Amino acid sequence: MYAEFDDTLVTGNEMIDGQHKELIEKINQLLGACENGDGKVKAIQTLAYLAEYTEFHFGEEEKLQEEIAYPGIKEHKKEHEKLRETVKELHEMLEESEGPTEAFVQQVEKNVVKWLYSHIKGFDRSVAEYKNMRLSGEML
């Protein structure tokens, strides 16, 4: 199951939406490497690339939240930490196997793709809405 950025994932913040599209592309590259039988090394490299971009994205989101004094920042950071842990577990799973297995792909779909969809639709959208409300209030 490849990930897809659709209208249900739009937060209304161009920077965040653009980064979410990039994250989805990276997830799909990982799934593609698994599907194509590119092997353990390619899957590990792709997962590392995904993890690196995720760190960049989380940093940008958290910086935005600090700038707008978002009241839910602590909880949001905890959610980000959950995905970091998941990525570590996936890395360990790859290291322990001879290559990406069906179980690994299922974990990516369940714990990365579904997590991302849920996170964007809930946590990230609320940050964008809060930012828009603050801007509207400041303009009055």
Protein backbone atom coordinates (compact mmCIF):
# COMPACT_ATOMS: atom_id res chain seq x y z
CA MET A 1 0.00 0.00 0.00
CA TYR A 2 1.69 3.15 -1.17
CA ALA A 3 0.95 6.39 0.63
CA GLU A 4 -0.85 9.19 -1.16
CA PHE A 5 -1.17 12.88 -0.37
CA ASP A 6 -4.77 13.89 -0.95
CA ASP A 7 -7.12 16.69 0.10
CA THR A 8 -7.78 15.06 3.48
CA LEU A 9 -4.13 15.69 4.39
CA VAL A 10 -4.04 19.39 3.54
CA THR A 11 -3.39 21.50 6.64
CA GLY A 12 -3.46 24.83 4.87
CA ASN A 13 0.14 25.62 5.79
CA GLU A 14 2.19 25.55 2.58
CA MET A 15 5.51 24.72 4.23
CA ILE A 16 4.06 21.85 6.27
CA ASP A 17 1.98 20.50 3.37
CA GLY A 18 5.04 20.56 1.11
CA GLN A 19 7.08 18.68 3.68
CA HIS A 20 4.30 16.13 4.16
CA LYS A 21 4.32 15.49 0.41
CA GLU A 22 8.07 14.95 0.60
CA LEU A 23 7.68 12.58 3.57
CA ILE A 24 5.11 10.55 1.65
CA GLU A 25 7.48 10.39 -1.31
CA LYS A 26 10.25 9.08 0.97
CA ILE A 27 7.91 6.47 2.49
CA ASN A 28 6.96 5.34 -1.00
CA GLN A 29 10.64 5.08 -1.94
CA LEU A 30 11.12 2.77 1.04
CA LEU A 31 8.10 0.66 0.08
CA GLY A 32 9.32 0.59 -3.52
CA ALA A 33 12.75 -0.63 -2.45
CA CYS A 34 11.06 -3.42 -0.49
CA GLU A 35 8.69 -4.31 -3.32
CA ASN A 36 11.41 -4.34 -5.97
CA GLY A 37 13.58 -6.70 -3.98
CA ASP A 38 16.38 -4.14 -3.89
CA GLY A 39 17.78 -5.87 -0.84
CA LYS A 40 18.72 -5.15 2.70
CA VAL A 41 21.33 -2.46 2.05
CA LYS A 42 19.03 -0.39 -0.18
CA ALA A 43 16.15 -0.71 2.29
CA ILE A 44 18.40 0.37 5.18
CA GLN A 45 19.70 3.34 3.18
CA THR A 46 16.17 4.37 2.21
CA LEU A 47 14.93 4.03 5.80
CA ALA A 48 17.88 6.14 7.00
CA TYR A 49 17.02 8.78 4.39
CA LEU A 50 13.39 8.75 5.56
CA ALA A 51 14.53 9.09 9.19
CA GLU A 52 16.80 12.01 8.30
CA TYR A 53 14.05 13.88 6.48
CA THR A 54 11.61 13.13 9.30
CA GLU A 55 14.00 14.77 11.78
CA PHE A 56 14.23 17.84 9.57
CA HIS A 57 10.44 18.00 9.24
CA PHE A 58 9.81 17.54 12.97
CA GLY A 59 12.30 20.31 13.70
CA GLU A 60 10.49 22.66 11.34
CA GLU A 61 7.08 21.81 12.81
CA GLU A 62 8.30 22.25 16.37
CA LYS A 63 9.98 25.55 15.53
CA LEU A 64 6.71 26.80 14.03
CA GLN A 65 4.83 25.70 17.15
CA GLU A 66 7.28 27.58 19.37
CA GLU A 67 6.97 30.71 17.22
CA ILE A 68 3.18 30.76 17.54
CA ALA A 69 3.17 29.64 21.22
CA TYR A 70 1.10 26.57 20.35
CA PRO A 71 -0.38 25.28 23.61
CA GLY A 72 -0.24 21.59 22.57
CA ILE A 73 3.48 21.52 21.76
CA LYS A 74 4.45 19.05 24.50
CA GLU A 75 1.89 16.49 23.38
CA HIS A 76 2.85 17.06 19.75
CA LYS A 77 6.52 16.42 20.55
CA LYS A 78 5.53 13.17 22.30
CA GLU A 79 3.78 12.07 19.11
CA HIS A 80 6.90 12.85 17.11
CA GLU A 81 8.91 10.74 19.54
CA LYS A 82 6.60 7.78 18.87
CA LEU A 83 7.51 7.84 15.19
CA ARG A 84 11.21 8.16 16.00
CA GLU A 85 10.92 4.99 18.11
CA THR A 86 9.04 3.22 15.33
CA VAL A 87 11.77 4.07 12.83
CA LYS A 88 14.42 2.72 15.24
CA GLU A 89 12.44 -0.50 15.60
CA LEU A 90 12.11 -0.80 11.83
CA HIS A 91 15.84 -0.30 11.46
CA GLU A 92 16.48 -3.07 13.99
CA MET A 93 14.02 -5.30 12.16
CA LEU A 94 15.93 -4.79 8.92
CA GLU A 95 19.30 -5.37 10.59
CA GLU A 96 18.11 -8.68 12.03
CA SER A 97 16.74 -10.02 8.75
CA GLU A 98 18.30 -10.79 5.40
CA GLY A 99 16.24 -8.09 3.78
CA PRO A 100 12.85 -6.41 3.90
CA THR A 101 10.23 -9.03 4.70
CA GLU A 102 6.47 -8.94 4.29
CA ALA A 103 6.26 -8.36 8.06
CA PHE A 104 8.55 -5.34 7.69
CA VAL A 105 6.37 -3.89 4.91
CA GLN A 106 3.27 -4.43 7.05
CA GLN A 107 4.93 -2.58 9.93
CA VAL A 108 5.79 0.33 7.63
CA GLU A 109 2.20 0.49 6.43
CA LYS A 110 0.72 0.20 9.93
CA ASN A 111 3.19 2.19 12.01
CA VAL A 112 4.43 4.79 9.54
CA VAL A 113 1.81 5.38 6.82
CA LYS A 114 -1.25 5.10 9.07
CA TRP A 115 0.51 7.02 11.86
CA LEU A 116 1.38 9.82 9.45
CA TYR A 117 -2.18 10.06 8.10
CA SER A 118 -3.62 10.19 11.60
CA HIS A 119 -0.98 12.64 12.82
CA ILE A 120 -1.50 15.05 9.93
CA LYS A 121 -5.29 14.96 10.15
CA GLY A 122 -5.26 15.54 13.90
CA PHE A 123 -2.16 17.11 15.39
CA ASP A 124 -0.78 18.97 12.37
CA ARG A 125 -4.12 20.31 11.23
CA SER A 126 -4.78 21.69 14.72
CA VAL A 127 -1.43 23.54 14.64
CA ALA A 128 -2.31 25.09 11.27
CA GLU A 129 -5.78 26.06 12.52
CA TYR A 130 -4.29 27.59 15.67
CA LYS A 131 -1.80 29.57 13.59
CA ASN A 132 -4.58 30.84 11.32
CA MET A 133 -6.71 31.83 14.32
CA ARG A 134 -3.77 33.73 15.84
CA LEU A 135 -3.15 35.53 12.55
CA SER A 136 -6.83 36.42 12.23
CA GLY A 137 -6.92 37.67 15.82
CA GLU A 138 -3.78 39.73 15.34
CA MET A 139 -5.17 41.35 12.21
CA LEU A 140 -8.38 42.54 13.94
